[in-house]
């Protein structure tokens, strides 16, 4: 060891620390995903945003049609494409909650506005009775 350059030893030590940190992160990330999967699988209630309802933690652990009631809060502010994400889990019942007289849905894309995607599902349902 005396013949090995001390700078080289320091670099090897730093690399081993980095490797250790990365392997701990990978193991903890795997563990957290495993724990989250178990929580989602065994829960009777799951609260989520519409977009995160499409995350792999939820979609990989909930069978389509196994949701009894899907409640969408602020449905009057969400645009229709957003609602497709949680609805794709095919709930047995769907409850839309929101006040259409408050804030309306907001969409910044001009193309989406031209395609009439700037309406909430609630707006469309109320306009068609």
N, C-alpha and C. Protein backbone atom coordinates (compact mmCIF):
# COMPACT_ATOMS: atom_id res chain seq x y z
N UNK A 1 0.81 -1.20 0.00
CA UNK A 1 0.00 0.00 0.00
C UNK A 1 0.85 1.26 0.00
N UNK A 2 2.04 1.15 0.53
CA UNK A 2 2.90 2.34 0.60
C UNK A 2 3.26 2.84 -0.78
N UNK A 3 3.32 1.92 -1.75
CA UNK A 3 3.70 2.33 -3.09
C UNK A 3 2.54 2.97 -3.86
N UNK A 4 1.32 2.82 -3.37
CA UNK A 4 0.17 3.40 -4.06
C UNK A 4 0.07 4.87 -3.70
N UNK A 5 -0.15 5.65 -4.68
CA UNK A 5 -0.25 7.10 -4.52
C UNK A 5 -1.41 7.44 -3.57
N UNK A 6 -1.19 8.34 -2.64
CA UNK A 6 -2.23 8.71 -1.67
C UNK A 6 -3.43 9.38 -2.36
N UNK A 7 -3.19 10.12 -3.43
CA UNK A 7 -4.30 10.75 -4.16
C UNK A 7 -5.20 9.68 -4.77
N UNK A 8 -4.59 8.63 -5.27
CA UNK A 8 -5.35 7.54 -5.84
C UNK A 8 -6.19 6.86 -4.76
N UNK A 9 -5.63 6.68 -3.59
CA UNK A 9 -6.39 6.09 -2.49
C UNK A 9 -7.58 6.96 -2.11
N UNK A 10 -7.37 8.25 -2.07
CA UNK A 10 -8.46 9.18 -1.75
C UNK A 10 -9.55 9.10 -2.81
N UNK A 11 -9.15 9.05 -4.08
CA UNK A 11 -10.14 8.96 -5.17
C UNK A 11 -10.92 7.65 -5.09
N UNK A 12 -10.23 6.56 -4.79
CA UNK A 12 -10.91 5.26 -4.65
C UNK A 12 -11.88 5.30 -3.48
N UNK A 13 -11.47 5.90 -2.40
CA UNK A 13 -12.34 6.02 -1.23
C UNK A 13 -13.58 6.85 -1.57
N UNK A 14 -13.39 7.98 -2.27
CA UNK A 14 -14.52 8.83 -2.67
C UNK A 14 -15.46 8.07 -3.59
N UNK A 15 -14.90 7.30 -4.52
CA UNK A 15 -15.75 6.50 -5.42
C UNK A 15 -16.54 5.46 -4.65
N UNK A 16 -15.91 4.84 -3.66
CA UNK A 16 -16.64 3.84 -2.88
C UNK A 16 -17.76 4.49 -2.07
N UNK A 17 -17.55 5.70 -1.58
CA UNK A 17 -18.61 6.43 -0.87
C UNK A 17 -19.77 6.75 -1.81
N UNK A 18 -19.43 7.20 -3.01
CA UNK A 18 -20.46 7.53 -3.99
C UNK A 18 -21.25 6.27 -4.35
N UNK A 19 -20.55 5.17 -4.55
CA UNK A 19 -21.21 3.90 -4.86
C UNK A 19 -22.16 3.51 -3.71
N UNK A 20 -21.67 3.66 -2.49
CA UNK A 20 -22.49 3.32 -1.32
C UNK A 20 -23.74 4.20 -1.26
N UNK A 21 -23.59 5.49 -1.50
CA UNK A 21 -24.72 6.42 -1.47
C UNK A 21 -25.74 6.04 -2.55
N UNK A 22 -25.24 5.75 -3.75
CA UNK A 22 -26.14 5.39 -4.86
C UNK A 22 -26.87 4.08 -4.56
N UNK A 23 -26.16 3.09 -4.04
CA UNK A 23 -26.81 1.81 -3.75
C UNK A 23 -27.83 1.95 -2.63
N UNK A 24 -27.54 2.81 -1.64
CA UNK A 24 -28.52 3.06 -0.57
C UNK A 24 -29.76 3.74 -1.13
N UNK A 25 -29.56 4.69 -2.06
CA UNK A 25 -30.69 5.39 -2.67
C UNK A 25 -31.55 4.40 -3.45
N UNK A 26 -30.90 3.55 -4.23
CA UNK A 26 -31.65 2.58 -5.03
C UNK A 26 -32.43 1.63 -4.12
N UNK A 27 -31.81 1.16 -3.06
CA UNK A 27 -32.49 0.27 -2.13
C UNK A 27 -33.64 0.98 -1.43
N UNK A 28 -33.44 2.23 -1.00
CA UNK A 28 -34.51 2.95 -0.31
C UNK A 28 -35.64 3.28 -1.27
N UNK A 29 -35.30 3.60 -2.52
CA UNK A 29 -36.33 3.88 -3.52
C UNK A 29 -37.15 2.62 -3.80
N UNK A 30 -36.47 1.49 -3.90
CA UNK A 30 -37.17 0.22 -4.10
C UNK A 30 -38.08 -0.06 -2.91
N UNK A 31 -37.54 0.16 -1.71
CA UNK A 31 -38.32 -0.09 -0.49
C UNK A 31 -39.52 0.83 -0.42
N UNK A 32 -39.34 2.12 -0.74
CA UNK A 32 -40.47 3.05 -0.67
C UNK A 32 -41.53 2.68 -1.71
N UNK A 33 -41.12 2.27 -2.91
CA UNK A 33 -42.09 1.83 -3.91
C UNK A 33 -42.82 0.58 -3.45
N UNK A 34 -42.09 -0.34 -2.81
CA UNK A 34 -42.70 -1.56 -2.30
C UNK A 34 -43.73 -1.21 -1.22
N UNK A 35 -43.35 -0.33 -0.31
CA UNK A 35 -44.27 0.07 0.77
C UNK A 35 -45.49 0.80 0.21
N UNK A 36 -45.26 1.72 -0.74
CA UNK A 36 -46.38 2.43 -1.35
C UNK A 36 -47.31 1.46 -2.07
N UNK A 37 -46.76 0.51 -2.76
CA UNK A 37 -47.58 -0.48 -3.47
C UNK A 37 -48.46 -1.25 -2.49
N UNK A 38 -47.87 -1.65 -1.37
CA UNK A 38 -48.66 -2.36 -0.36
C UNK A 38 -49.75 -1.48 0.24
N UNK A 39 -49.43 -0.23 0.47
CA UNK A 39 -50.42 0.70 1.03
C UNK A 39 -51.58 0.87 0.05
N UNK A 40 -51.26 1.10 -1.21
CA UNK A 40 -52.31 1.30 -2.22
C UNK A 40 -53.15 0.04 -2.38
N UNK A 41 -52.50 -1.11 -2.43
CA UNK A 41 -53.22 -2.37 -2.61
C UNK A 41 -54.17 -2.67 -1.46
N UNK A 42 -53.77 -2.33 -0.25
CA UNK A 42 -54.55 -2.70 0.93
C UNK A 42 -55.42 -1.57 1.48
N UNK A 43 -55.52 -0.47 0.79
CA UNK A 43 -56.30 0.67 1.29
C UNK A 43 -57.75 0.61 0.84
N UNK A 44 -58.62 1.09 1.71
CA UNK A 44 -60.03 1.21 1.34
C UNK A 44 -60.30 2.58 0.75
N UNK A 45 -59.51 3.58 1.12
CA UNK A 45 -59.64 4.93 0.58
C UNK A 45 -58.29 5.37 0.03
N UNK A 46 -58.30 5.96 -1.15
CA UNK A 46 -57.08 6.50 -1.74
C UNK A 46 -57.39 7.91 -2.21
N UNK A 47 -56.59 8.87 -1.76
CA UNK A 47 -56.75 10.26 -2.18
C UNK A 47 -55.63 10.57 -3.17
N UNK A 48 -56.01 11.20 -4.26
CA UNK A 48 -55.03 11.45 -5.31
C UNK A 48 -55.48 12.64 -6.14
N UNK A 49 -54.53 13.30 -6.79
CA UNK A 49 -54.91 14.28 -7.80
C UNK A 49 -55.30 13.49 -9.05
N UNK A 50 -55.93 14.16 -10.00
CA UNK A 50 -56.34 13.44 -11.21
C UNK A 50 -55.13 12.94 -11.98
N UNK A 51 -54.11 13.75 -12.10
CA UNK A 51 -52.93 13.36 -12.87
C UNK A 51 -52.17 12.25 -12.17
N UNK A 52 -51.99 12.34 -10.84
CA UNK A 52 -51.24 11.29 -10.15
C UNK A 52 -52.02 9.99 -10.07
N UNK A 53 -53.31 10.02 -10.38
CA UNK A 53 -54.09 8.77 -10.45
C UNK A 53 -53.58 7.89 -11.58
N UNK A 54 -52.85 8.46 -12.51
CA UNK A 54 -52.27 7.70 -13.60
C UNK A 54 -50.86 7.22 -13.32
N UNK A 55 -50.35 7.47 -12.11
CA UNK A 55 -48.99 7.05 -11.77
C UNK A 55 -48.91 5.53 -11.70
N UNK A 56 -47.71 5.01 -11.91
CA UNK A 56 -47.54 3.55 -11.91
C UNK A 56 -47.84 2.94 -10.55
N UNK A 57 -47.60 3.67 -9.47
CA UNK A 57 -47.90 3.15 -8.13
C UNK A 57 -49.39 2.82 -8.03
N UNK A 58 -50.23 3.65 -8.62
CA UNK A 58 -51.67 3.41 -8.56
C UNK A 58 -52.12 2.46 -9.66
N UNK A 59 -51.73 2.71 -10.89
CA UNK A 59 -52.22 1.88 -11.99
C UNK A 59 -51.73 0.44 -11.93
N UNK A 60 -50.56 0.21 -11.35
CA UNK A 60 -50.04 -1.17 -11.25
C UNK A 60 -50.63 -1.93 -10.08
N UNK A 61 -51.31 -1.24 -9.17
CA UNK A 61 -51.78 -1.90 -7.95
C UNK A 61 -53.29 -1.88 -7.79
N UNK A 62 -54.00 -1.27 -8.71
CA UNK A 62 -55.46 -1.25 -8.65
C UNK A 62 -56.00 -1.84 -9.94
N UNK A 63 -56.80 -2.86 -9.80
CA UNK A 63 -57.40 -3.50 -10.98
C UNK A 63 -58.53 -2.64 -11.51
N UNK A 64 -58.63 -2.58 -12.81
CA UNK A 64 -59.71 -1.85 -13.45
C UNK A 64 -61.05 -2.41 -12.99
N UNK A 65 -61.95 -1.54 -12.59
CA UNK A 65 -63.26 -1.94 -12.12
C UNK A 65 -63.33 -2.29 -10.65
N UNK A 66 -62.20 -2.21 -9.95
CA UNK A 66 -62.20 -2.57 -8.53
C UNK A 66 -62.49 -1.37 -7.63
N UNK A 67 -62.65 -0.19 -8.21
CA UNK A 67 -62.97 1.00 -7.42
C UNK A 67 -64.48 1.12 -7.32
N UNK A 68 -64.98 1.14 -6.10
CA UNK A 68 -66.42 1.23 -5.90
C UNK A 68 -66.92 2.64 -6.19
N UNK A 69 -66.29 3.65 -5.57
CA UNK A 69 -66.72 5.04 -5.76
C UNK A 69 -65.50 5.91 -6.06
N UNK A 70 -65.57 6.66 -7.13
CA UNK A 70 -64.54 7.64 -7.46
C UNK A 70 -65.15 9.02 -7.26
N UNK A 71 -64.56 9.80 -6.36
CA UNK A 71 -65.05 11.15 -6.09
C UNK A 71 -64.05 12.13 -6.65
N UNK A 72 -64.50 13.02 -7.53
CA UNK A 72 -63.63 14.03 -8.13
C UNK A 72 -64.01 15.38 -7.55
N UNK A 73 -63.11 15.94 -6.75
CA UNK A 73 -63.33 17.26 -6.17
C UNK A 73 -62.87 18.31 -7.17
N UNK A 74 -63.48 19.47 -7.11
CA UNK A 74 -63.18 20.59 -8.03
C UNK A 74 -63.37 20.17 -9.49
N UNK A 75 -64.38 19.38 -9.74
CA UNK A 75 -64.65 18.89 -11.10
C UNK A 75 -65.03 20.02 -12.04
N UNK A 76 -65.52 21.12 -11.51
CA UNK A 76 -65.90 22.24 -12.38
C UNK A 76 -64.67 23.00 -12.86
N UNK A 77 -63.52 22.77 -12.25
CA UNK A 77 -62.30 23.46 -12.66
C UNK A 77 -61.41 22.59 -13.54
N UNK A 78 -61.66 21.30 -13.56
CA UNK A 78 -60.80 20.41 -14.34
C UNK A 78 -61.31 20.28 -15.77
N UNK A 79 -60.39 20.22 -16.69
CA UNK A 79 -60.78 20.05 -18.09
C UNK A 79 -61.01 18.56 -18.36
N UNK A 80 -61.79 18.29 -19.39
CA UNK A 80 -62.19 16.91 -19.68
C UNK A 80 -61.03 15.93 -19.82
N UNK A 81 -59.96 16.26 -20.54
CA UNK A 81 -58.86 15.28 -20.67
C UNK A 81 -58.25 14.87 -19.32
N UNK A 82 -58.26 15.78 -18.34
CA UNK A 82 -57.75 15.43 -17.01
C UNK A 82 -58.60 14.35 -16.36
N UNK A 83 -59.87 14.42 -16.55
CA UNK A 83 -60.80 13.48 -15.92
C UNK A 83 -60.69 12.08 -16.52
N UNK A 84 -60.17 12.00 -17.74
CA UNK A 84 -60.02 10.69 -18.39
C UNK A 84 -59.07 9.80 -17.59
N UNK A 85 -58.07 10.40 -16.94
CA UNK A 85 -57.06 9.62 -16.22
C UNK A 85 -57.70 8.79 -15.10
N UNK A 86 -58.40 9.38 -14.14
CA UNK A 86 -58.99 8.54 -13.10
C UNK A 86 -60.17 7.70 -13.60
N UNK A 87 -60.91 8.21 -14.58
CA UNK A 87 -62.05 7.45 -15.11
C UNK A 87 -61.59 6.18 -15.82
N UNK A 88 -60.35 6.19 -16.32
CA UNK A 88 -59.84 5.00 -17.02
C UNK A 88 -59.73 3.80 -16.09
N UNK A 89 -59.83 4.01 -14.77
CA UNK A 89 -59.82 2.90 -13.82
C UNK A 89 -61.20 2.25 -13.71
N UNK A 90 -62.16 2.77 -14.46
CA UNK A 90 -63.51 2.23 -14.56
C UNK A 90 -64.16 2.03 -13.18
N UNK A 91 -64.45 3.15 -12.52
CA UNK A 91 -65.10 3.02 -11.20
C UNK A 91 -66.55 2.56 -11.36
N UNK A 92 -67.08 1.94 -10.33
CA UNK A 92 -68.48 1.51 -10.35
C UNK A 92 -69.42 2.71 -10.23
N UNK A 93 -68.99 3.74 -9.50
CA UNK A 93 -69.78 4.97 -9.32
C UNK A 93 -68.86 6.17 -9.44
N UNK A 94 -69.38 7.25 -9.99
CA UNK A 94 -68.61 8.47 -10.17
C UNK A 94 -69.38 9.65 -9.59
N UNK A 95 -68.72 10.41 -8.72
CA UNK A 95 -69.33 11.59 -8.13
C UNK A 95 -68.46 12.79 -8.48
N UNK A 96 -69.05 13.76 -9.17
CA UNK A 96 -68.34 15.00 -9.50
C UNK A 96 -68.78 16.08 -8.54
N UNK A 97 -67.82 16.70 -7.87
CA UNK A 97 -68.11 17.76 -6.90
C UNK A 97 -67.46 19.04 -7.38
N UNK A 98 -68.20 20.11 -7.33
CA UNK A 98 -67.63 21.41 -7.71
C UNK A 98 -68.73 22.41 -7.96
N UNK A 99 -68.35 23.66 -7.88
CA UNK A 99 -69.30 24.75 -8.10
C UNK A 99 -68.99 25.41 -9.44
N UNK A 100 -69.84 25.19 -10.46
CA UNK A 100 -69.57 25.76 -11.78
C UNK A 100 -69.66 27.28 -11.81
N UNK A 101 -70.20 27.88 -10.75
CA UNK A 101 -70.29 29.35 -10.68
C UNK A 101 -69.01 29.97 -10.11
N UNK A 102 -68.11 29.14 -9.60
CA UNK A 102 -66.83 29.64 -9.11
C UNK A 102 -65.85 29.69 -10.27
N UNK A 103 -64.61 29.37 -10.02
CA UNK A 103 -63.59 29.40 -11.07
C UNK A 103 -63.90 28.37 -12.15
N UNK A 104 -63.70 28.78 -13.37
CA UNK A 104 -63.89 27.83 -14.47
C UNK A 104 -62.56 27.15 -14.76
N UNK A 105 -62.60 26.18 -15.66
CA UNK A 105 -61.36 25.49 -16.03
C UNK A 105 -60.45 26.46 -16.77
N UNK A 106 -59.15 26.26 -16.60
CA UNK A 106 -58.16 27.14 -17.22
C UNK A 106 -57.29 26.32 -18.15
N UNK A 107 -57.15 26.80 -19.36
CA UNK A 107 -56.33 26.12 -20.35
C UNK A 107 -55.57 27.19 -21.13
N UNK A 108 -54.25 27.07 -21.19
CA UNK A 108 -53.43 28.08 -21.83
C UNK A 108 -53.17 27.79 -23.31
N UNK A 109 -53.34 26.57 -23.73
CA UNK A 109 -53.05 26.19 -25.11
C UNK A 109 -54.13 26.70 -26.06
N UNK A 110 -53.73 27.48 -27.05
CA UNK A 110 -54.70 28.01 -28.02
C UNK A 110 -55.29 26.89 -28.87
N UNK A 111 -54.47 25.90 -29.22
CA UNK A 111 -54.96 24.78 -30.02
C UNK A 111 -56.02 24.01 -29.23
N UNK A 112 -55.76 23.76 -27.96
CA UNK A 112 -56.73 23.05 -27.13
C UNK A 112 -58.02 23.85 -26.99
N UNK A 113 -57.89 25.16 -26.89
CA UNK A 113 -59.09 26.01 -26.83
C UNK A 113 -59.89 25.92 -28.13
N UNK A 114 -59.19 25.90 -29.27
CA UNK A 114 -59.87 25.78 -30.56
C UNK A 114 -60.59 24.44 -30.68
N UNK A 115 -60.05 23.41 -30.02
CA UNK A 115 -60.66 22.08 -30.07
C UNK A 115 -61.73 21.92 -28.99
N UNK A 116 -62.06 23.01 -28.31
CA UNK A 116 -63.08 23.03 -27.24
C UNK A 116 -62.74 22.12 -26.07
N UNK A 117 -61.46 22.01 -25.79
CA UNK A 117 -61.04 21.22 -24.63
C UNK A 117 -60.94 22.08 -23.37
N UNK A 118 -61.37 23.32 -23.48
CA UNK A 118 -61.28 24.24 -22.34
C UNK A 118 -62.53 24.19 -21.47
N UNK A 119 -63.39 23.23 -21.69
CA UNK A 119 -64.59 23.09 -20.88
C UNK A 119 -64.40 21.98 -19.86
N UNK A 120 -64.99 22.17 -18.70
CA UNK A 120 -64.95 21.09 -17.71
C UNK A 120 -66.03 20.07 -18.06
N UNK A 121 -65.86 18.87 -17.57
CA UNK A 121 -66.87 17.83 -17.77
C UNK A 121 -68.18 18.27 -17.16
N UNK A 122 -68.09 18.94 -16.02
CA UNK A 122 -69.30 19.40 -15.34
C UNK A 122 -70.03 20.43 -16.20
N UNK A 123 -69.30 21.36 -16.82
CA UNK A 123 -69.92 22.34 -17.72
C UNK A 123 -70.66 21.63 -18.85
N UNK A 124 -70.00 20.66 -19.44
CA UNK A 124 -70.60 19.95 -20.58
C UNK A 124 -71.83 19.16 -20.13
N UNK A 125 -71.76 18.51 -18.98
CA UNK A 125 -72.91 17.75 -18.49
C UNK A 125 -74.08 18.67 -18.16
N UNK A 126 -73.79 19.82 -17.55
CA UNK A 126 -74.88 20.76 -17.19
C UNK A 126 -75.48 21.42 -18.43
N UNK A 127 -74.69 21.65 -19.46
CA UNK A 127 -75.22 22.28 -20.67
C UNK A 127 -76.07 21.30 -21.48
N UNK A 128 -75.82 19.99 -21.34
CA UNK A 128 -76.60 18.99 -22.07
C UNK A 128 -77.70 18.36 -21.24
N UNK A 129 -77.90 18.92 -20.03
CA UNK A 129 -78.88 18.39 -19.07
C UNK A 129 -78.52 16.97 -18.74
